[in-house]
Amino acid sequence: QVQLVESGGGLVQAGDSLRLSCVADARTANKYAAGWFRQAPGKEREFVAAITWVSQRKLYADSVKDRFTISRDRAERTVYLQMSSLNAGDTAVYYCAAGDTLDPSNSYYLLTGEIGQYDTWGQGTQVTVSS
């Protein structure tokens, strides 16, 4: 059962833009938040951006703030990551994720970049930026 499907990755040059898409199944689209994470070769998976499905609250990693924009189309159950001013440091496999993310005390819903709060993952899409 495929719950999250990413697309849109590819090979681009430094300075270019790229848009990733992530389509969720109906159950996954009812989770509190969806996010994008990335993993470069030899590095740990890191948070990129997240958005709440209903209110569209957004959260970004400092490294991508002002360059990347996360958005969602609730009717299409799709989350987007618009990336601009790409550089070699953005080269990674990008993963879409979803979860009912909670605060550290697990008391209330909270938009977070904590990877452990996301329990549903896509297969990833490769983004390669040549310098």
Foldseek 3Di string as FASTA:
>chain_A
DAAKAKDWADEEAAQAKTKMKIAGPPVQLPAQKKFKWWDDPPGDIFGAKMAGNPPGDIDGDPVQPPFWDWDDDSVRRMIMIIGGSDDQVPWTWMKMFGAQAADPVRPHGDDDGPPVRTDGIYPTDTHGYHD
